[in-house]
Every structure is written in C-alpha cells, then in structure tokens.
Amino acid sequence: MKNINLSKAILALKKENEVNDFFTNLCTPAEIKALNERWNVAQLLYKNQLSYRDIAEKLKTSTTTVTRVARFLSNEPYQGYNRILKRLN
C-alpha cells in the first residue's frame, strides 16, 4: 500500500461517525478537546458578537487560545477557518 497523506485520508471519510471514529483513533482525548475548543472559539469569533474575554469565559478557555484563533481568522494567509465557516453558514 502506498503512503497516503493525512489530508487525503480525511477526504475519504464519508459520514460524521467515520470522522469521529478516525479522530478518536488518531488523537488523544486531550488533542480532540483542544481541536474542539479551537473550533468553538472560531465559530464565536466569526459571529463577531463577543469580546475575546467573553469568549474565553464562556468556553472556559484561555484568552491566549482566543487570540491565537483570532489571528488565524484575520491575519494568516491560509484562511482555513474562514473557508469552512463560510461554507457552513
């Protein structure tokens, strides 16, 4: 079997339960928690209704995490968060 990169493996998943099962195998519980936390922060930042501090308090996360996610939403060239948030909204 040839080596398949992670992006292609993720694209091969077809259903939500397949994604959940794959990430449960791939990541530790702490890593999954961190990914979910960043995703929840991104969604709240995208809505642009709460301050960084309010988001941190609401999600029980650090303002450092909120700031890091905000930087990727607004300043970084990849725009991964924005791309998927636009598709889902």
N, C-alpha and C. Protein backbone atom coordinates (compact mmCIF):
# COMPACT_ATOMS: atom_id res chain seq x y z
N MET A 1 0.85 -1.18 0.00
CA MET A 1 0.00 0.00 0.00
C MET A 1 0.89 1.24 0.00
N LYS A 2 0.56 2.20 -0.84
CA LYS A 2 1.34 3.43 -0.89
C LYS A 2 1.00 4.32 0.30
N ASN A 3 1.91 5.20 0.63
CA ASN A 3 1.71 6.14 1.73
C ASN A 3 0.73 7.22 1.30
N ILE A 4 -0.34 7.40 2.06
CA ILE A 4 -1.38 8.39 1.76
C ILE A 4 -1.30 9.48 2.83
N ASN A 5 -1.26 10.74 2.37
CA ASN A 5 -1.15 11.81 3.37
C ASN A 5 -2.46 11.98 4.14
N LEU A 6 -2.36 12.64 5.27
CA LEU A 6 -3.49 12.79 6.18
C LEU A 6 -4.66 13.52 5.53
N SER A 7 -4.39 14.54 4.76
CA SER A 7 -5.48 15.29 4.10
C SER A 7 -6.31 14.39 3.21
N LYS A 8 -5.65 13.55 2.43
CA LYS A 8 -6.38 12.63 1.55
C LYS A 8 -7.17 11.60 2.35
N ALA A 9 -6.61 11.16 3.46
CA ALA A 9 -7.33 10.21 4.32
C ALA A 9 -8.60 10.85 4.87
N ILE A 10 -8.51 12.09 5.31
CA ILE A 10 -9.68 12.79 5.84
C ILE A 10 -10.73 12.98 4.75
N LEU A 11 -10.29 13.31 3.54
CA LEU A 11 -11.23 13.49 2.43
C LEU A 11 -11.96 12.19 2.06
N ALA A 12 -11.39 11.05 2.41
CA ALA A 12 -12.01 9.76 2.10
C ALA A 12 -13.16 9.42 3.06
N LEU A 13 -13.24 10.12 4.18
CA LEU A 13 -14.31 9.86 5.14
C LEU A 13 -15.63 10.38 4.60
N LYS A 14 -16.70 9.62 4.78
CA LYS A 14 -17.97 9.96 4.16
C LYS A 14 -19.06 10.39 5.13
N LYS A 15 -18.99 9.93 6.37
CA LYS A 15 -20.06 10.20 7.32
C LYS A 15 -19.47 10.74 8.62
N GLU A 16 -20.31 11.45 9.37
CA GLU A 16 -19.85 12.06 10.61
C GLU A 16 -19.27 11.01 11.57
N ASN A 17 -19.92 9.85 11.67
CA ASN A 17 -19.41 8.83 12.59
C ASN A 17 -18.05 8.31 12.14
N GLU A 18 -17.79 8.28 10.82
CA GLU A 18 -16.47 7.87 10.32
C GLU A 18 -15.40 8.89 10.74
N VAL A 19 -15.75 10.16 10.66
CA VAL A 19 -14.83 11.22 11.07
C VAL A 19 -14.54 11.10 12.57
N ASN A 20 -15.60 10.94 13.36
CA ASN A 20 -15.42 10.80 14.81
C ASN A 20 -14.56 9.59 15.16
N ASP A 21 -14.82 8.45 14.52
CA ASP A 21 -14.04 7.24 14.78
C ASP A 21 -12.57 7.44 14.40
N PHE A 22 -12.33 8.05 13.24
CA PHE A 22 -10.97 8.27 12.76
C PHE A 22 -10.19 9.18 13.73
N PHE A 23 -10.81 10.29 14.13
CA PHE A 23 -10.11 11.21 15.03
C PHE A 23 -9.95 10.61 16.43
N THR A 24 -10.88 9.77 16.85
CA THR A 24 -10.73 9.09 18.14
C THR A 24 -9.52 8.16 18.11
N ASN A 25 -9.28 7.52 16.97
CA ASN A 25 -8.11 6.66 16.82
C ASN A 25 -6.83 7.48 16.65
N LEU A 26 -6.91 8.56 15.92
CA LEU A 26 -5.73 9.35 15.56
C LEU A 26 -5.22 10.22 16.71
N CYS A 27 -6.13 10.77 17.51
CA CYS A 27 -5.77 11.76 18.52
C CYS A 27 -6.02 11.26 19.93
N THR A 28 -5.30 11.86 20.85
CA THR A 28 -5.57 11.59 22.26
C THR A 28 -6.83 12.37 22.66
N PRO A 29 -7.46 12.00 23.76
CA PRO A 29 -8.62 12.79 24.22
C PRO A 29 -8.27 14.28 24.41
N ALA A 30 -7.08 14.57 24.91
CA ALA A 30 -6.68 15.97 25.10
C ALA A 30 -6.55 16.71 23.77
N GLU A 31 -6.05 16.02 22.76
CA GLU A 31 -5.93 16.64 21.43
C GLU A 31 -7.30 16.91 20.82
N ILE A 32 -8.21 15.97 20.97
CA ILE A 32 -9.57 16.17 20.46
C ILE A 32 -10.24 17.33 21.19
N LYS A 33 -10.04 17.41 22.51
CA LYS A 33 -10.59 18.51 23.29
C LYS A 33 -10.03 19.85 22.78
N ALA A 34 -8.74 19.91 22.53
CA ALA A 34 -8.12 21.14 22.04
C ALA A 34 -8.63 21.53 20.66
N LEU A 35 -8.80 20.55 19.78
CA LEU A 35 -9.34 20.84 18.44
C LEU A 35 -10.76 21.37 18.53
N ASN A 36 -11.60 20.73 19.35
CA ASN A 36 -12.97 21.19 19.54
C ASN A 36 -13.02 22.60 20.15
N GLU A 37 -12.12 22.83 21.09
CA GLU A 37 -12.06 24.14 21.74
C GLU A 37 -11.73 25.23 20.71
N ARG A 38 -10.72 25.00 19.88
CA ARG A 38 -10.36 25.98 18.86
C ARG A 38 -11.49 26.20 17.87
N TRP A 39 -12.16 25.12 17.49
CA TRP A 39 -13.27 25.24 16.54
C TRP A 39 -14.42 26.05 17.15
N ASN A 40 -14.73 25.82 18.42
CA ASN A 40 -15.78 26.59 19.09
C ASN A 40 -15.39 28.06 19.21
N VAL A 41 -14.13 28.34 19.50
CA VAL A 41 -13.66 29.72 19.55
C VAL A 41 -13.81 30.37 18.18
N ALA A 42 -13.42 29.67 17.12
CA ALA A 42 -13.51 30.21 15.77
C ALA A 42 -14.95 30.57 15.41
N GLN A 43 -15.89 29.72 15.79
CA GLN A 43 -17.29 29.98 15.48
C GLN A 43 -17.79 31.25 16.18
N LEU A 44 -17.42 31.41 17.45
CA LEU A 44 -17.85 32.60 18.18
C LEU A 44 -17.16 33.86 17.65
N LEU A 45 -15.89 33.77 17.32
CA LEU A 45 -15.20 34.92 16.74
C LEU A 45 -15.81 35.31 15.40
N TYR A 46 -16.16 34.33 14.62
CA TYR A 46 -16.74 34.58 13.29
C TYR A 46 -18.06 35.36 13.41
N LYS A 47 -18.83 35.05 14.45
CA LYS A 47 -20.10 35.76 14.67
C LYS A 47 -19.87 37.21 15.08
N ASN A 48 -18.68 37.48 15.64
CA ASN A 48 -18.27 38.84 16.00
C ASN A 48 -19.25 39.51 16.96
N GLN A 49 -19.73 38.77 17.96
CA GLN A 49 -20.70 39.32 18.91
C GLN A 49 -20.15 39.44 20.33
N LEU A 50 -19.04 38.75 20.61
CA LEU A 50 -18.48 38.74 21.96
C LEU A 50 -17.03 39.21 21.95
N SER A 51 -16.59 39.74 23.07
CA SER A 51 -15.18 40.11 23.21
C SER A 51 -14.34 38.85 23.40
N TYR A 52 -13.04 39.00 23.22
CA TYR A 52 -12.14 37.86 23.44
C TYR A 52 -12.31 37.33 24.86
N ARG A 53 -12.37 38.24 25.83
CA ARG A 53 -12.51 37.82 27.23
C ARG A 53 -13.84 37.09 27.45
N ASP A 54 -14.92 37.59 26.85
CA ASP A 54 -16.22 36.92 27.00
C ASP A 54 -16.21 35.53 26.38
N ILE A 55 -15.55 35.39 25.24
CA ILE A 55 -15.44 34.07 24.60
C ILE A 55 -14.66 33.13 25.50
N ALA A 56 -13.54 33.60 26.04
CA ALA A 56 -12.71 32.77 26.93
C ALA A 56 -13.51 32.33 28.14
N GLU A 57 -14.27 33.23 28.72
CA GLU A 57 -15.08 32.88 29.90
C GLU A 57 -16.19 31.90 29.54
N LYS A 58 -16.87 32.17 28.43
CA LYS A 58 -17.98 31.31 28.00
C LYS A 58 -17.52 29.88 27.73
N LEU A 59 -16.36 29.74 27.08
CA LEU A 59 -15.87 28.41 26.70
C LEU A 59 -14.88 27.82 27.71
N LYS A 60 -14.61 28.55 28.77
CA LYS A 60 -13.66 28.08 29.80
C LYS A 60 -12.29 27.78 29.16
N THR A 61 -11.82 28.72 28.37
CA THR A 61 -10.53 28.59 27.72
C THR A 61 -9.70 29.83 28.02
N SER A 62 -8.47 29.85 27.57
CA SER A 62 -7.60 30.99 27.84
C SER A 62 -7.78 32.08 26.77
N THR A 63 -7.49 33.30 27.17
CA THR A 63 -7.52 34.38 26.18
C THR A 63 -6.41 34.18 25.15
N THR A 64 -5.36 33.46 25.51
CA THR A 64 -4.28 33.14 24.56
C THR A 64 -4.83 32.29 23.42
N THR A 65 -5.64 31.30 23.74
CA THR A 65 -6.26 30.47 22.71
C THR A 65 -7.16 31.30 21.82
N VAL A 66 -7.96 32.16 22.42
CA VAL A 66 -8.86 33.01 21.64
C VAL A 66 -8.05 33.92 20.71
N THR A 67 -6.99 34.50 21.22
CA THR A 67 -6.15 35.39 20.42
C THR A 67 -5.48 34.64 19.27
N ARG A 68 -5.01 33.44 19.55
CA ARG A 68 -4.36 32.63 18.51
C ARG A 68 -5.34 32.29 17.38
N VAL A 69 -6.54 31.87 17.74
CA VAL A 69 -7.54 31.55 16.73
C VAL A 69 -7.93 32.81 15.96
N ALA A 70 -8.07 33.93 16.67
CA ALA A 70 -8.41 35.19 16.01
C ALA A 70 -7.36 35.59 14.99
N ARG A 71 -6.10 35.36 15.30
CA ARG A 71 -5.02 35.68 14.36
C ARG A 71 -5.17 34.86 13.09
N PHE A 72 -5.50 33.59 13.22
CA PHE A 72 -5.68 32.75 12.03
C PHE A 72 -6.93 33.14 11.25
N LEU A 73 -7.94 33.64 11.94
CA LEU A 73 -9.15 34.10 11.24
C LEU A 73 -8.89 35.37 10.43
N SER A 74 -8.04 36.24 10.95
CA SER A 74 -7.92 37.55 10.31
C SER A 74 -6.60 37.83 9.61
N ASN A 75 -5.49 37.28 10.09
CA ASN A 75 -4.18 37.70 9.58
C ASN A 75 -3.41 36.67 8.76
N GLU A 76 -3.67 35.43 8.98
CA GLU A 76 -2.88 34.39 8.32
C GLU A 76 -3.41 34.10 6.91
N PRO A 77 -2.53 33.72 6.00
CA PRO A 77 -2.93 33.56 4.60
C PRO A 77 -3.76 32.30 4.31
N TYR A 78 -3.74 31.30 5.17
CA TYR A 78 -4.37 30.02 4.83
C TYR A 78 -5.89 30.10 4.78
N GLN A 79 -6.49 30.84 5.70
CA GLN A 79 -7.93 31.07 5.73
C GLN A 79 -8.77 29.80 5.83
N GLY A 80 -8.22 28.78 6.48
CA GLY A 80 -8.95 27.52 6.65
C GLY A 80 -10.21 27.67 7.48
N TYR A 81 -10.10 28.38 8.60
CA TYR A 81 -11.30 28.61 9.43
C TYR A 81 -12.36 29.35 8.62
N ASN A 82 -11.97 30.46 8.00
CA ASN A 82 -12.95 31.27 7.25
C ASN A 82 -13.60 30.48 6.13
N ARG A 83 -12.82 29.69 5.44
CA ARG A 83 -13.36 28.91 4.31
C ARG A 83 -14.48 28.00 4.78
N ILE A 84 -14.25 27.25 5.84
CA ILE A 84 -15.27 26.30 6.28
C ILE A 84 -16.43 27.00 6.98
N LEU A 85 -16.15 28.07 7.71
CA LEU A 85 -17.24 28.81 8.36
C LEU A 85 -18.17 29.42 7.33
N LYS A 86 -17.63 29.94 6.24
CA LYS A 86 -18.47 30.49 5.15
C LYS A 86 -19.31 29.39 4.51
N ARG A 87 -18.72 28.22 4.32
CA ARG A 87 -19.46 27.11 3.71
C ARG A 87 -20.60 26.63 4.60
N LEU A 88 -20.39 26.65 5.89
CA LEU A 88 -21.38 26.13 6.82
C LEU A 88 -22.45 27.13 7.20
N ASN A 89 -22.21 28.41 6.93
CA ASN A 89 -23.19 29.46 7.31
C ASN A 89 -23.92 30.00 6.15
